[in-house]
Protein backbone atom coordinates (compact mmCIF):
# COMPACT_ATOMS: atom_id res chain seq x y z
CA MET A 1 -0.06 0.03 0.08
CA ALA A 2 1.44 3.05 -0.49
CA LEU A 3 0.51 6.60 0.18
CA ASN A 4 -2.05 8.76 -1.88
CA ALA A 5 -2.12 12.21 -0.89
CA LEU A 6 -0.44 14.08 2.39
CA GLY A 7 -2.82 16.26 5.01
CA SER A 8 -1.29 19.59 6.17
CA ALA A 9 -2.37 21.47 8.80
CA VAL A 10 -1.24 24.13 10.75
CA SER A 11 -1.77 25.17 14.27
CA ASP A 12 -2.68 28.03 17.00
CA GLU A 13 0.25 30.00 18.63
CA GLY A 14 -0.06 27.62 21.60
CA GLY A 15 0.20 24.46 19.40
CA SER A 16 -2.88 23.12 20.99
CA LEU A 17 -5.14 23.18 18.08
CA ALA A 18 -4.26 22.41 14.34
CA PHE A 19 -6.74 23.62 11.19
CA PRO A 20 -6.77 21.86 7.94
CA LEU A 21 -4.64 23.88 5.52
CA THR A 22 -4.32 21.50 2.11
CA THR A 23 -3.36 18.15 1.00
CA VAL A 24 -0.44 17.60 -1.04
CA LYS A 25 -0.95 14.29 -3.95
CA ALA A 26 1.80 11.89 -2.83
CA GLY A 27 4.55 11.41 -5.45
CA VAL A 28 7.61 12.76 -6.69
CA ASP A 29 6.65 16.37 -6.06
CA ALA A 30 5.68 16.22 -2.73
CA LEU A 31 8.70 17.20 -1.01
CA GLY A 32 8.89 20.17 -2.58
CA ALA A 33 5.32 20.91 -2.29
CA ILE A 34 5.93 20.65 1.89
CA VAL A 35 8.85 22.79 1.73
CA GLU A 36 6.25 25.20 -0.19
CA ILE A 37 4.12 25.11 2.75
CA VAL A 38 6.95 25.03 5.73
CA ASN A 39 8.58 28.63 3.67
CA ARG A 40 4.98 29.92 2.94
CA GLU A 41 3.66 29.70 6.52
CA TRP A 42 7.22 30.29 8.23
CA ALA A 43 6.30 26.23 10.19
CA GLU A 44 8.57 26.33 12.66
CA LYS A 45 8.22 22.25 13.82
CA ILE A 46 6.46 19.55 11.32
CA ILE A 47 4.69 16.57 13.32
CA ILE A 48 4.83 13.51 10.96
CA GLY A 49 2.07 10.90 12.13
CA GLU A 50 2.30 7.14 12.57
CA SER A 51 0.03 4.27 10.91
CA LYS A 52 0.12 1.14 12.85
CA ASN A 53 -1.94 -1.82 12.91
CA LEU A 54 -4.80 -2.61 15.56
CA ASP A 55 -1.68 -4.54 17.16
CA GLY A 56 0.69 -1.78 17.48
CA THR A 57 3.00 -2.56 14.53
CA PRO A 58 4.15 -1.03 11.97
CA ASN A 59 2.06 -1.50 8.46
CA LYS A 60 3.02 -1.04 4.84
CA VAL A 61 1.60 2.81 4.72
CA GLN A 62 4.29 3.32 7.88
CA GLU A 63 6.73 2.03 5.62
CA ALA A 64 6.01 4.76 3.13
CA ILE A 65 6.05 7.24 6.37
CA GLU A 66 9.57 6.43 6.88
CA LYS A 67 11.03 6.74 3.44
CA PHE A 68 9.29 10.28 3.18
CA LYS A 69 10.30 11.52 6.52
CA LYS A 70 14.41 10.47 5.57
CA ASP A 71 13.89 12.18 2.67
CA LEU A 72 12.42 15.69 4.40
CA GLU A 73 15.18 15.61 6.63
CA VAL A 74 17.86 16.04 4.10
């Protein structure tokens, strides 16, 4: 299973509430789109969620998330 889209949100100044911003189509252009959002919104942090099976073990979506996270760190 692969990622189809990534959701983005911004928080209030206290970081306690998140407000939906947009979705980004997964694929080769996703990293650049996220960088554009980070720059436009003056983001200080990026929070990346996890995807796990009901028993708490990572699933195939989590594998794609981990790869994207590594690409984002570069």
